[in-house]
Every structure is written in C-alpha cells, then in structure tokens.
Amino acid sequence: MSDTNSFSSETAKLALSDILEALNSPENAAKLGEAKENVGNDMLKMMQYVFPIVVQIQMEVIKKYGFADNRDGIIQFTQHIVALEREDPVIADLHTQLRANYLPPVSIATDASL
C-alpha cells in the first residue's frame, strides 16, 4: 500500500472522478439503476441494497490510490475526502455527486405553515 498520508487535493479529485466514472459505466449504471428502481425512496432499503454496490465499486477504484480495498480503506478514504472538502469546493462537489448515488433525494418543506 502506498503512503496515503500524502493524499493531496489533486489526487482526491482524480480518485473521486474515477469513482464517478466507474459508477457511470454502462454495466455499473445498469446495476445501480435497477437497485434504485427496486428500493424507490426508502432510505433503509437504499442503505441495504444500493449503498453496498456503490461501496464495492468505490473499493475497486481507491485501491489504485493506495487505500486498502476493504472497510478500513473506505473509512480512511472518506476521512481524507471529508477533511479536504472543507477547503476545496471542487472536492466537496465531487463528493456530493458521489453521495447522490446512494442517498435518495430529500424534499425540504419550505412552507412556513408546516
């Protein structure tokens, strides 16, 4: 495993872009689309069925960037991304795009009478 302590903003952008590209590949997009269609807007089902698919795809990509392709690697990668996104709006945007793959859209009521 390479040194993830030197994981830079530029490397983070490349990794996130690679993950998004992998998620949008025809095979993975079809698998995710089917899973999302089956779970609808149910957050629990989203975490049970869609999230593991996203994590598996993410693990395949992050190992190219020196992270272990397991639970610890995902946690370490996410911690690096969260720390970097505070200072870099591009990383924050890419991370938001990644999370959109497993978080259902949230409707926020704007009516004051609610």
PDB file of N, CA and C in Angstrom:
ATOM      1  N   MET A   1       0.847  -1.176   0.000  1.00  0.00           N
ATOM      2  CA  MET A   1       0.000   0.000   0.000  1.00  0.00           C
ATOM      3  C   MET A   1       0.886   1.229   0.000  1.00  0.00           C
ATOM      4  N   SER A   2       0.599   2.199  -0.834  1.00  0.00           N
ATOM      5  CA  SER A   2       1.377   3.430  -0.871  1.00  0.00           C
ATOM      6  C   SER A   2       0.991   4.334   0.288  1.00  0.00           C
ATOM      7  N   ASP A   3       1.721   5.415   0.448  1.00  0.00           N
ATOM      8  CA  ASP A   3       1.525   6.315   1.581  1.00  0.00           C
ATOM      9  C   ASP A   3       0.305   7.197   1.356  1.00  0.00           C
ATOM     10  N   THR A   4      -0.775   6.911   2.085  1.00  0.00           N
ATOM     11  CA  THR A   4      -1.995   7.706   1.935  1.00  0.00           C
ATOM     12  C   THR A   4      -1.916   8.998   2.722  1.00  0.00           C
ATOM     13  N   ASN A   5      -0.862   9.176   3.531  1.00  0.00           N
ATOM     14  CA  ASN A   5      -0.695  10.434   4.255  1.00  0.00           C
ATOM     15  C   ASN A   5      -0.379  11.575   3.306  1.00  0.00           C
ATOM     16  N   SER A   6       0.122  11.249   2.115  1.00  0.00           N
ATOM     17  CA  SER A   6       0.431  12.287   1.132  1.00  0.00           C
ATOM     18  C   SER A   6      -0.709  12.453   0.121  1.00  0.00           C
ATOM     19  N   PHE A   7      -1.886  12.017   0.489  1.00  0.00           N
ATOM     20  CA  PHE A   7      -3.068  12.109  -0.367  1.00  0.00           C
ATOM     21  C   PHE A   7      -3.438  13.582  -0.515  1.00  0.00           C
ATOM     22  N   SER A   8      -3.201  14.140  -1.689  1.00  0.00           N
ATOM     23  CA  SER A   8      -3.381  15.577  -1.930  1.00  0.00           C
ATOM     24  C   SER A   8      -4.763  15.889  -2.488  1.00  0.00           C
ATOM     25  N   SER A   9      -5.054  17.179  -2.560  1.00  0.00           N
ATOM     26  CA  SER A   9      -6.316  17.624  -3.152  1.00  0.00           C
ATOM     27  C   SER A   9      -6.430  17.165  -4.600  1.00  0.00           C
ATOM     28  N   GLU A  10      -5.337  17.252  -5.334  1.00  0.00           N
ATOM     29  CA  GLU A  10      -5.373  16.840  -6.740  1.00  0.00           C
ATOM     30  C   GLU A  10      -5.631  15.343  -6.865  1.00  0.00           C
ATOM     31  N   THR A  11      -4.987  14.567  -5.997  1.00  0.00           N
ATOM     32  CA  THR A  11      -5.209  13.123  -6.013  1.00  0.00           C
ATOM     33  C   THR A  11      -6.651  12.804  -5.624  1.00  0.00           C
ATOM     34  N   ALA A  12      -7.183  13.533  -4.658  1.00  0.00           N
ATOM     35  CA  ALA A  12      -8.574  13.338  -4.238  1.00  0.00           C
ATOM     36  C   ALA A  12      -9.521  13.607  -5.397  1.00  0.00           C
ATOM     37  N   LYS A  13      -9.267  14.667  -6.145  1.00  0.00           N
ATOM     38  CA  LYS A  13     -10.123  14.993  -7.293  1.00  0.00           C
ATOM     39  C   LYS A  13     -10.066  13.883  -8.334  1.00  0.00           C
ATOM     40  N   LEU A  14      -8.862  13.364  -8.589  1.00  0.00           N
ATOM     41  CA  LEU A  14      -8.718  12.272  -9.554  1.00  0.00           C
ATOM     42  C   LEU A  14      -9.450  11.019  -9.078  1.00  0.00           C
ATOM     43  N   ALA A  15      -9.283  10.689  -7.796  1.00  0.00           N
ATOM     44  CA  ALA A  15      -9.932   9.491  -7.253  1.00  0.00           C
ATOM     45  C   ALA A  15     -11.448   9.614  -7.319  1.00  0.00           C
ATOM     46  N   LEU A  16     -11.976  10.757  -6.891  1.00  0.00           N
ATOM     47  CA  LEU A  16     -13.430  10.953  -6.933  1.00  0.00           C
ATOM     48  C   LEU A  16     -13.949  10.919  -8.362  1.00  0.00           C
ATOM     49  N   SER A  17     -13.223  11.529  -9.284  1.00  0.00           N
ATOM     50  CA  SER A  17     -13.627  11.499 -10.698  1.00  0.00           C
ATOM     51  C   SER A  17     -13.614  10.075 -11.237  1.00  0.00           C
ATOM     52  N   ASP A  18     -12.595   9.297 -10.847  1.00  0.00           N
ATOM     53  CA  ASP A  18     -12.527   7.902 -11.284  1.00  0.00           C
ATOM     54  C   ASP A  18     -13.687   7.082 -10.715  1.00  0.00           C
ATOM     55  N   ILE A  19     -14.032   7.346  -9.463  1.00  0.00           N
ATOM     56  CA  ILE A  19     -15.164   6.636  -8.849  1.00  0.00           C
ATOM     57  C   ILE A  19     -16.456   6.976  -9.585  1.00  0.00           C
ATOM     58  N   LEU A  20     -16.668   8.264  -9.846  1.00  0.00           N
ATOM     59  CA  LEU A  20     -17.888   8.672 -10.560  1.00  0.00           C
ATOM     60  C   LEU A  20     -17.922   8.062 -11.952  1.00  0.00           C
ATOM     61  N   GLU A  21     -16.784   8.014 -12.616  1.00  0.00           N
ATOM     62  CA  GLU A  21     -16.711   7.410 -13.947  1.00  0.00           C
ATOM     63  C   GLU A  21     -17.061   5.920 -13.871  1.00  0.00           C
ATOM     64  N   ALA A  22     -16.533   5.245 -12.853  1.00  0.00           N
ATOM     65  CA  ALA A  22     -16.827   3.817 -12.677  1.00  0.00           C
ATOM     66  C   ALA A  22     -18.315   3.602 -12.384  1.00  0.00           C
ATOM     67  N   LEU A  23     -18.886   4.462 -11.557  1.00  0.00           N
ATOM     68  CA  LEU A  23     -20.319   4.337 -11.239  1.00  0.00           C
ATOM     69  C   LEU A  23     -21.182   4.552 -12.473  1.00  0.00           C
ATOM     70  N   ASN A  24     -20.706   5.384 -13.385  1.00  0.00           N
ATOM     71  CA  ASN A  24     -21.481   5.704 -14.579  1.00  0.00           C
ATOM     72  C   ASN A  24     -21.166   4.808 -15.770  1.00  0.00           C
ATOM     73  N   SER A  25     -20.279   3.822 -15.574  1.00  0.00           N
ATOM     74  CA  SER A  25     -20.001   2.893 -16.669  1.00  0.00           C
ATOM     75  C   SER A  25     -21.300   2.156 -16.983  1.00  0.00           C
ATOM     76  N   PRO A  26     -21.482   1.732 -18.220  1.00  0.00           N
ATOM     77  CA  PRO A  26     -22.756   1.097 -18.590  1.00  0.00           C
ATOM     78  C   PRO A  26     -23.162  -0.064 -17.669  1.00  0.00           C
ATOM     79  N   GLU A  27     -22.216  -0.938 -17.343  1.00  0.00           N
ATOM     80  CA  GLU A  27     -22.532  -2.098 -16.501  1.00  0.00           C
ATOM     81  C   GLU A  27     -22.946  -1.674 -15.091  1.00  0.00           C
ATOM     82  N   ASN A  28     -22.168  -0.794 -14.486  1.00  0.00           N
ATOM     83  CA  ASN A  28     -22.471  -0.364 -13.116  1.00  0.00           C
ATOM     84  C   ASN A  28     -23.702   0.538 -13.063  1.00  0.00           C
ATOM     85  N   ALA A  29     -23.870   1.382 -14.053  1.00  0.00           N
ATOM     86  CA  ALA A  29     -25.043   2.261 -14.082  1.00  0.00           C
ATOM     87  C   ALA A  29     -26.321   1.426 -14.186  1.00  0.00           C
ATOM     88  N   ALA A  30     -26.279   0.358 -14.969  1.00  0.00           N
ATOM     89  CA  ALA A  30     -27.449  -0.518 -15.100  1.00  0.00           C
ATOM     90  C   ALA A  30     -27.744  -1.218 -13.771  1.00  0.00           C
ATOM     91  N   LYS A  31     -26.692  -1.719 -13.115  1.00  0.00           N
ATOM     92  CA  LYS A  31     -26.846  -2.405 -11.825  1.00  0.00           C
ATOM     93  C   LYS A  31     -27.402  -1.438 -10.775  1.00  0.00           C
ATOM     94  N   LEU A  32     -26.855  -0.225 -10.712  1.00  0.00           N
ATOM     95  CA  LEU A  32     -27.328   0.774  -9.753  1.00  0.00           C
ATOM     96  C   LEU A  32     -28.745   1.227 -10.072  1.00  0.00           C
ATOM     97  N   GLY A  33     -29.019   1.432 -11.350  1.00  0.00           N
ATOM     98  CA  GLY A  33     -30.353   1.864 -11.768  1.00  0.00           C
ATOM     99  C   GLY A  33     -31.414   0.863 -11.376  1.00  0.00           C
ATOM    100  N   GLU A  34     -31.121  -0.408 -11.575  1.00  0.00           N
ATOM    101  CA  GLU A  34     -32.075  -1.462 -11.210  1.00  0.00           C
ATOM    102  C   GLU A  34     -32.284  -1.493  -9.693  1.00  0.00           C
ATOM    103  N   ALA A  35     -31.188  -1.393  -8.953  1.00  0.00           N
ATOM    104  CA  ALA A  35     -31.302  -1.411  -7.485  1.00  0.00           C
ATOM    105  C   ALA A  35     -32.092  -0.212  -6.987  1.00  0.00           C
ATOM    106  N   LYS A  36     -31.822   0.971  -7.547  1.00  0.00           N
ATOM    107  CA  LYS A  36     -32.535   2.183  -7.125  1.00  0.00           C
ATOM    108  C   LYS A  36     -34.017   2.091  -7.470  1.00  0.00           C
ATOM    109  N   GLU A  37     -34.312   1.526  -8.615  1.00  0.00           N
ATOM    110  CA  GLU A  37     -35.715   1.377  -9.024  1.00  0.00           C
ATOM    111  C   GLU A  37     -36.450   0.452  -8.057  1.00  0.00           C
ATOM    112  N   ASN A  38     -35.773  -0.589  -7.606  1.00  0.00           N
ATOM    113  CA  ASN A  38     -36.385  -1.549  -6.682  1.00  0.00           C
ATOM    114  C   ASN A  38     -36.603  -0.973  -5.285  1.00  0.00           C
ATOM    115  N   VAL A  39     -35.748  -0.046  -4.839  1.00  0.00           N
ATOM    116  CA  VAL A  39     -35.875   0.483  -3.476  1.00  0.00           C
ATOM    117  C   VAL A  39     -36.690   1.764  -3.403  1.00  0.00           C
ATOM    118  N   GLY A  40     -36.856   2.436  -4.516  1.00  0.00           N
ATOM    119  CA  GLY A  40     -37.619   3.686  -4.517  1.00  0.00           C
ATOM    120  C   GLY A  40     -36.961   4.727  -3.638  1.00  0.00           C
ATOM    121  N   ASN A  41     -37.742   5.361  -2.784  1.00  0.00           N
ATOM    122  CA  ASN A  41     -37.235   6.429  -1.935  1.00  0.00           C
ATOM    123  C   ASN A  41     -37.093   5.959  -0.480  1.00  0.00           C
ATOM    124  N   ASP A  42     -37.000   4.647  -0.282  1.00  0.00           N
ATOM    125  CA  ASP A  42     -36.887   4.063   1.052  1.00  0.00           C
ATOM    126  C   ASP A  42     -35.420   4.076   1.484  1.00  0.00           C
ATOM    127  N   MET A  43     -35.112   4.917   2.458  1.00  0.00           N
ATOM    128  CA  MET A  43     -33.722   5.105   2.886  1.00  0.00           C
ATOM    129  C   MET A  43     -33.119   3.811   3.428  1.00  0.00           C
ATOM    130  N   LEU A  44     -33.868   3.050   4.195  1.00  0.00           N
ATOM    131  CA  LEU A  44     -33.342   1.806   4.748  1.00  0.00           C
ATOM    132  C   LEU A  44     -32.981   0.828   3.630  1.00  0.00           C
ATOM    133  N   LYS A  45     -33.864   0.676   2.676  1.00  0.00           N
ATOM    134  CA  LYS A  45     -33.585  -0.215   1.547  1.00  0.00           C
ATOM    135  C   LYS A  45     -32.427   0.320   0.706  1.00  0.00           C
ATOM    136  N   MET A  46     -32.318   1.643   0.595  1.00  0.00           N
ATOM    137  CA  MET A  46     -31.215   2.250  -0.145  1.00  0.00           C
ATOM    138  C   MET A  46     -29.881   1.837   0.488  1.00  0.00           C
ATOM    139  N   MET A  47     -29.837   1.881   1.820  1.00  0.00           N
ATOM    140  CA  MET A  47     -28.606   1.509   2.532  1.00  0.00           C
ATOM    141  C   MET A  47     -28.343   0.002   2.458  1.00  0.00           C
ATOM    142  N   GLN A  48     -29.417  -0.789   2.353  1.00  0.00           N
ATOM    143  CA  GLN A  48     -29.265  -2.244   2.285  1.00  0.00           C
ATOM    144  C   GLN A  48     -28.837  -2.730   0.909  1.00  0.00           C
ATOM    145  N   TYR A  49     -29.344  -2.098  -0.132  1.00  0.00           N
ATOM    146  CA  TYR A  49     -29.151  -2.632  -1.480  1.00  0.00           C
ATOM    147  C   TYR A  49     -28.281  -1.764  -2.388  1.00  0.00           C
ATOM    148  N   VAL A  50     -28.436  -0.463  -2.336  1.00  0.00           N
ATOM    149  CA  VAL A  50     -27.691   0.412  -3.241  1.00  0.00           C
ATOM    150  C   VAL A  50     -26.312   0.747  -2.669  1.00  0.00           C
ATOM    151  N   PHE A  51     -26.272   1.128  -1.403  1.00  0.00           N
ATOM    152  CA  PHE A  51     -25.009   1.523  -0.777  1.00  0.00           C
ATOM    153  C   PHE A  51     -23.911   0.462  -0.933  1.00  0.00           C
ATOM    154  N   PRO A  52     -24.198  -0.828  -0.686  1.00  0.00           N
ATOM    155  CA  PRO A  52     -23.135  -1.827  -0.859  1.00  0.00           C
ATOM    156  C   PRO A  52     -22.584  -1.901  -2.288  1.00  0.00           C
ATOM    157  N   ILE A  53     -23.429  -1.665  -3.271  1.00  0.00           N
ATOM    158  CA  ILE A  53     -22.963  -1.667  -4.662  1.00  0.00           C
ATOM    159  C   ILE A  53     -22.004  -0.496  -4.877  1.00  0.00           C
ATOM    160  N   VAL A  54     -22.388   0.679  -4.384  1.00  0.00           N
ATOM    161  CA  VAL A  54     -21.545   1.869  -4.520  1.00  0.00           C
ATOM    162  C   VAL A  54     -20.214   1.645  -3.809  1.00  0.00           C
ATOM    163  N   VAL A  55     -20.255   1.089  -2.614  1.00  0.00           N
ATOM    164  CA  VAL A  55     -19.033   0.850  -1.842  1.00  0.00           C
ATOM    165  C   VAL A  55     -18.123  -0.143  -2.564  1.00  0.00           C
ATOM    166  N   GLN A  56     -18.682  -1.188  -3.131  1.00  0.00           N
ATOM    167  CA  GLN A  56     -17.878  -2.184  -3.847  1.00  0.00           C
ATOM    168  C   GLN A  56     -17.168  -1.539  -5.038  1.00  0.00           C
ATOM    169  N   ILE A  57     -17.883  -0.722  -5.781  1.00  0.00           N
ATOM    170  CA  ILE A  57     -17.282  -0.032  -6.926  1.00  0.00           C
ATOM    171  C   ILE A  57     -16.206   0.931  -6.432  1.00  0.00           C
ATOM    172  N   GLN A  58     -16.500   1.634  -5.362  1.00  0.00           N
ATOM    173  CA  GLN A  58     -15.549   2.582  -4.791  1.00  0.00           C
ATOM    174  C   GLN A  58     -14.280   1.868  -4.325  1.00  0.00           C
ATOM    175  N   MET A  59     -14.413   0.708  -3.711  1.00  0.00           N
ATOM    176  CA  MET A  59     -13.250  -0.044  -3.239  1.00  0.00           C
ATOM    177  C   MET A  59     -12.340  -0.450  -4.395  1.00  0.00           C
ATOM    178  N   GLU A  60     -12.946  -0.792  -5.530  1.00  0.00           N
ATOM    179  CA  GLU A  60     -12.144  -1.168  -6.692  1.00  0.00           C
ATOM    180  C   GLU A  60     -11.280   0.003  -7.161  1.00  0.00           C
ATOM    181  N   VAL A  61     -11.810   1.207  -7.051  1.00  0.00           N
ATOM    182  CA  VAL A  61     -11.086   2.395  -7.519  1.00  0.00           C
ATOM    183  C   VAL A  61     -10.049   2.866  -6.509  1.00  0.00           C
ATOM    184  N   ILE A  62     -10.404   2.909  -5.229  1.00  0.00           N
ATOM    185  CA  ILE A  62      -9.491   3.514  -4.251  1.00  0.00           C
ATOM    186  C   ILE A  62      -8.214   2.712  -4.051  1.00  0.00           C
ATOM    187  N   LYS A  63      -8.236   1.422  -4.376  1.00  0.00           N
ATOM    188  CA  LYS A  63      -7.006   0.648  -4.217  1.00  0.00           C
ATOM    189  C   LYS A  63      -5.916   1.160  -5.170  1.00  0.00           C
ATOM    190  N   LYS A  64      -6.311   1.787  -6.267  1.00  0.00           N
ATOM    191  CA  LYS A  64      -5.338   2.385  -7.195  1.00  0.00           C
ATOM    192  C   LYS A  64      -4.650   3.600  -6.580  1.00  0.00           C
ATOM    193  N   TYR A  65      -5.246   4.125  -5.514  1.00  0.00           N
ATOM    194  CA  TYR A  65      -4.727   5.331  -4.868  1.00  0.00           C
ATOM    195  C   TYR A  65      -4.084   5.035  -3.511  1.00  0.00           C
ATOM    196  N   GLY A  66      -3.780   3.759  -3.277  1.00  0.00           N
ATOM    197  CA  GLY A  66      -3.046   3.378  -2.086  1.00  0.00           C
ATOM    198  C   GLY A  66      -3.886   2.993  -0.889  1.00  0.00           C
ATOM    199  N   PHE A  67      -5.190   2.917  -1.048  1.00  0.00           N
ATOM    200  CA  PHE A  67      -6.063   2.532   0.057  1.00  0.00           C
ATOM    201  C   PHE A  67      -6.384   1.048  -0.048  1.00  0.00           C
ATOM    202  N   ALA A  68      -6.590   0.426   1.095  1.00  0.00           N
ATOM    203  CA  ALA A  68      -6.992  -0.977   1.105  1.00  0.00           C
ATOM    204  C   ALA A  68      -8.390  -1.095   0.517  1.00  0.00           C
ATOM    205  N   ASP A  69      -8.636  -2.182  -0.207  1.00  0.00           N
ATOM    206  CA  ASP A  69      -9.969  -2.373  -0.793  1.00  0.00           C
ATOM    207  C   ASP A  69     -10.838  -3.170   0.176  1.00  0.00           C
ATOM    208  N   ASN A  70     -11.034  -2.551   1.353  1.00  0.00           N
ATOM    209  CA  ASN A  70     -11.869  -3.151   2.389  1.00  0.00           C
ATOM    210  C   ASN A  70     -12.530  -2.028   3.193  1.00  0.00           C
ATOM    211  N   ARG A  71     -13.210  -2.412   4.257  1.00  0.00           N
ATOM    212  CA  ARG A  71     -13.935  -1.437   5.089  1.00  0.00           C
ATOM    213  C   ARG A  71     -13.011  -0.350   5.618  1.00  0.00           C
ATOM    214  N   ASP A  72     -11.842  -0.747   6.119  1.00  0.00           N
ATOM    215  CA  ASP A  72     -10.901   0.233   6.660  1.00  0.00           C
ATOM    216  C   ASP A  72     -10.421   1.207   5.586  1.00  0.00           C
ATOM    217  N   GLY A  73     -10.209   0.701   4.394  1.00  0.00           N
ATOM    218  CA  GLY A  73      -9.782   1.563   3.287  1.00  0.00           C
ATOM    219  C   GLY A  73     -10.837   2.599   2.934  1.00  0.00           C
ATOM    220  N   ILE A  74     -12.098   2.167   2.900  1.00  0.00           N
ATOM    221  CA  ILE A  74     -13.206   3.089   2.608  1.00  0.00           C
ATOM    222  C   ILE A  74     -13.304   4.160   3.686  1.00  0.00           C
ATOM    223  N   ILE A  75     -13.174   3.746   4.940  1.00  0.00           N
ATOM    224  CA  ILE A  75     -13.251   4.710   6.045  1.00  0.00           C
ATOM    225  C   ILE A  75     -12.110   5.712   5.945  1.00  0.00           C
ATOM    226  N   GLN A  76     -10.905   5.219   5.717  1.00  0.00           N
ATOM    227  CA  GLN A  76      -9.740   6.099   5.613  1.00  0.00           C
ATOM    228  C   GLN A  76      -9.894   7.061   4.424  1.00  0.00           C
ATOM    229  N   PHE A  77     -10.328   6.536   3.280  1.00  0.00           N
ATOM    230  CA  PHE A  77     -10.527   7.367   2.096  1.00  0.00           C
ATOM    231  C   PHE A  77     -11.558   8.461   2.381  1.00  0.00           C
ATOM    232  N   THR A  78     -12.677   8.078   2.968  1.00  0.00           N
ATOM    233  CA  THR A  78     -13.739   9.046   3.258  1.00  0.00           C
ATOM    234  C   THR A  78     -13.271  10.102   4.238  1.00  0.00           C
ATOM    235  N   GLN A  79     -12.490   9.717   5.234  1.00  0.00           N
ATOM    236  CA  GLN A  79     -11.956  10.694   6.183  1.00  0.00           C
ATOM    237  C   GLN A  79     -11.067  11.713   5.477  1.00  0.00           C
ATOM    238  N   HIS A  80     -10.237  11.244   4.553  1.00  0.00           N
ATOM    239  CA  HIS A  80      -9.388  12.160   3.779  1.00  0.00           C
ATOM    240  C   HIS A  80     -10.242  13.115   2.946  1.00  0.00           C
ATOM    241  N   ILE A  81     -11.259  12.567   2.300  1.00  0.00           N
ATOM    242  CA  ILE A  81     -12.123  13.387   1.441  1.00  0.00           C
ATOM    243  C   ILE A  81     -12.855  14.434   2.273  1.00  0.00           C
ATOM    244  N   VAL A  82     -13.423  14.042   3.398  1.00  0.00           N
ATOM    245  CA  VAL A  82     -14.160  14.978   4.253  1.00  0.00           C
ATOM    246  C   VAL A  82     -13.236  16.103   4.733  1.00  0.00           C
ATOM    247  N   ALA A  83     -12.011  15.748   5.095  1.00  0.00           N
ATOM    248  CA  ALA A  83     -11.059  16.774   5.540  1.00  0.00           C
ATOM    249  C   ALA A  83     -10.711  17.730   4.405  1.00  0.00           C
ATOM    250  N   LEU A  84     -10.531  17.199   3.206  1.00  0.00           N
ATOM    251  CA  LEU A  84     -10.135  18.034   2.069  1.00  0.00           C
ATOM    252  C   LEU A  84     -11.289  18.866   1.515  1.00  0.00           C
ATOM    253  N   GLU A  85     -12.515  18.353   1.611  1.00  0.00           N
ATOM    254  CA  GLU A  85     -13.645  19.065   1.016  1.00  0.00           C
ATOM    255  C   GLU A  85     -13.956  20.366   1.745  1.00  0.00           C
ATOM    256  N   ARG A  86     -13.510  20.484   2.987  1.00  0.00           N
ATOM    257  CA  ARG A  86     -13.720  21.730   3.737  1.00  0.00           C
ATOM    258  C   ARG A  86     -12.960  22.896   3.114  1.00  0.00           C
ATOM    259  N   GLU A  87     -11.867  22.579   2.442  1.00  0.00           N
ATOM    260  CA  GLU A  87     -11.004  23.617   1.872  1.00  0.00           C
ATOM    261  C   GLU A  87     -11.103  23.720   0.360  1.00  0.00           C
ATOM    262  N   ASP A  88     -11.730  22.753  -0.275  1.00  0.00           N
ATOM    263  CA  ASP A  88     -11.758  22.724  -1.734  1.00  0.00           C
ATOM    264  C   ASP A  88     -13.179  22.470  -2.230  1.00  0.00           C
ATOM    265  N   PRO A  89     -13.813  23.493  -2.804  1.00  0.00           N
ATOM    266  CA  PRO A  89     -15.203  23.325  -3.264  1.00  0.00           C
ATOM    267  C   PRO A  89     -15.353  22.296  -4.388  1.00  0.00           C
ATOM    268  N   VAL A  90     -14.306  22.058  -5.170  1.00  0.00           N
ATOM    269  CA  VAL A  90     -14.388  21.057  -6.234  1.00  0.00           C
ATOM    270  C   VAL A  90     -14.500  19.659  -5.612  1.00  0.00           C
ATOM    271  N   ILE A  91     -13.700  19.407  -4.592  1.00  0.00           N
ATOM    272  CA  ILE A  91     -13.777  18.121  -3.900  1.00  0.00           C
ATOM    273  C   ILE A  91     -15.146  17.975  -3.241  1.00  0.00           C
ATOM    274  N   ALA A  92     -15.638  19.035  -2.626  1.00  0.00           N
ATOM    275  CA  ALA A  92     -16.962  18.995  -1.996  1.00  0.00           C
ATOM    276  C   ALA A  92     -18.036  18.656  -3.024  1.00  0.00           C
ATOM    277  N   ASP A  93     -17.948  19.261  -4.208  1.00  0.00           N
ATOM    278  CA  ASP A  93     -18.928  18.995  -5.262  1.00  0.00           C
ATOM    279  C   ASP A  93     -18.832  17.547  -5.745  1.00  0.00           C
ATOM    280  N   LEU A  94     -17.620  17.054  -5.964  1.00  0.00           N
ATOM    281  CA  LEU A  94     -17.445  15.673  -6.422  1.00  0.00           C
ATOM    282  C   LEU A  94     -17.948  14.689  -5.366  1.00  0.00           C
ATOM    283  N   HIS A  95     -17.698  14.998  -4.098  1.00  0.00           N
ATOM    284  CA  HIS A  95     -18.165  14.114  -3.020  1.00  0.00           C
ATOM    285  C   HIS A  95     -19.693  14.130  -2.943  1.00  0.00           C
ATOM    286  N   THR A  96     -20.296  15.283  -3.168  1.00  0.00           N
ATOM    287  CA  THR A  96     -21.756  15.384  -3.201  1.00  0.00           C
ATOM    288  C   THR A  96     -22.316  14.532  -4.344  1.00  0.00           C
ATOM    289  N   GLN A  97     -21.653  14.583  -5.492  1.00  0.00           N
ATOM    290  CA  GLN A  97     -22.092  13.765  -6.631  1.00  0.00           C
ATOM    291  C   GLN A  97     -21.988  12.275  -6.298  1.00  0.00           C
ATOM    292  N   LEU A  98     -20.935  11.897  -5.594  1.00  0.00           N
ATOM    293  CA  LEU A  98     -20.771  10.501  -5.197  1.00  0.00           C
ATOM    294  C   LEU A  98     -21.884  10.079  -4.242  1.00  0.00           C
ATOM    295  N   ARG A  99     -22.129  10.890  -3.231  1.00  0.00           N
ATOM    296  CA  ARG A  99     -23.180  10.556  -2.249  1.00  0.00           C
ATOM    297  C   ARG A  99     -24.556  10.499  -2.896  1.00  0.00           C
ATOM    298  N   ALA A 100     -24.777  11.266  -3.939  1.00  0.00           N
ATOM    299  CA  ALA A 100     -26.076  11.266  -4.621  1.00  0.00           C
ATOM    300  C   ALA A 100     -26.410   9.896  -5.207  1.00  0.00           C
ATOM    301  N   ASN A 101     -25.401   9.055  -5.353  1.00  0.00           N
ATOM    302  CA  ASN A 101     -25.635   7.714  -5.877  1.00  0.00           C
ATOM    303  C   ASN A 101     -26.293   6.783  -4.877  1.00  0.00           C
ATOM    304  N   TYR A 102     -26.195   7.104  -3.589  1.00  0.00           N
ATOM    305  CA  TYR A 102     -26.801   6.214  -2.600  1.00  0.00           C
ATOM    306  C   TYR A 102     -27.699   6.918  -1.599  1.00  0.00           C
ATOM    307  N   LEU A 103     -27.819   8.218  -1.696  1.00  0.00           N
ATOM    308  CA  LEU A 103     -28.752   8.936  -0.834  1.00  0.00           C
ATOM    309  C   LEU A 103     -29.953   9.354  -1.663  1.00  0.00           C
ATOM    310  N   PRO A 104     -31.166   9.000  -1.240  1.00  0.00           N
ATOM    311  CA  PRO A 104     -32.343   9.389  -2.021  1.00  0.00           C
ATOM    312  C   PRO A 104     -32.537  10.900  -1.952  1.00  0.00           C
ATOM    313  N   PRO A 105     -33.175  11.460  -2.956  1.00  0.00           N
ATOM    314  CA  PRO A 105     -33.452  12.902  -2.920  1.00  0.00           C
ATOM    315  C   PRO A 105     -34.321  13.233  -1.712  1.00  0.00           C
ATOM    316  N   VAL A 106     -34.007  14.332  -1.077  1.00  0.00           N
ATOM    317  CA  VAL A 106     -34.742  14.749   0.115  1.00  0.00           C
ATOM    318  C   VAL A 106     -35.590  15.960  -0.234  1.00  0.00           C
ATOM    319  N   SER A 107     -36.868  15.871   0.083  1.00  0.00           N
ATOM    320  CA  SER A 107     -37.754  17.010  -0.135  1.00  0.00           C
ATOM    321  C   SER A 107     -37.759  17.847   1.130  1.00  0.00           C
ATOM    322  N   ILE A 108     -37.498  19.115   0.980  1.00  0.00           N
ATOM    323  CA  ILE A 108     -37.486  20.012   2.115  1.00  0.00           C
ATOM    324  C   ILE A 108     -38.691  20.939   1.992  1.00  0.00           C
ATOM    325  N   ALA A 109     -39.523  20.908   3.021  1.00  0.00           N
ATOM    326  CA  ALA A 109     -40.710  21.750   3.009  1.00  0.00           C
ATOM    327  C   ALA A 109     -40.294  23.190   3.236  1.00  0.00           C
ATOM    328  N   THR A 110     -40.768  24.070   2.380  1.00  0.00           N
ATOM    329  CA  THR A 110     -40.421  25.490   2.525  1.00  0.00           C
ATOM    330  C   THR A 110     -41.624  26.307   2.959  1.00  0.00           C
ATOM    331  N   ASP A 111     -42.748  25.650   3.131  1.00  0.00           N
ATOM    332  CA  ASP A 111     -43.964  26.332   3.549  1.00  0.00           C
ATOM    333  C   ASP A 111     -43.889  26.595   5.060  1.00  0.00           C
ATOM    334  N   ALA A 112     -43.937  27.841   5.473  1.00  0.00           N
ATOM    335  CA  ALA A 112     -43.799  28.219   6.869  1.00  0.00           C
ATOM    336  C   ALA A 112     -44.927  27.657   7.735  1.00  0.00           C
ATOM    337  N   SER A 113     -46.062  27.322   7.129  1.00  0.00           N
ATOM    338  CA  SER A 113     -47.190  26.829   7.923  1.00  0.00           C
ATOM    339  C   SER A 113     -47.034  25.365   8.323  1.00  0.00           C
ATOM    340  N   LEU A 114     -45.999  24.700   7.829  1.00  0.00           N
ATOM    341  CA  LEU A 114     -45.789  23.292   8.174  1.00  0.00           C
ATOM    342  C   LEU A 114     -45.256  23.197   9.543  1.00  0.00           C
TER     343      LEU A 114
END
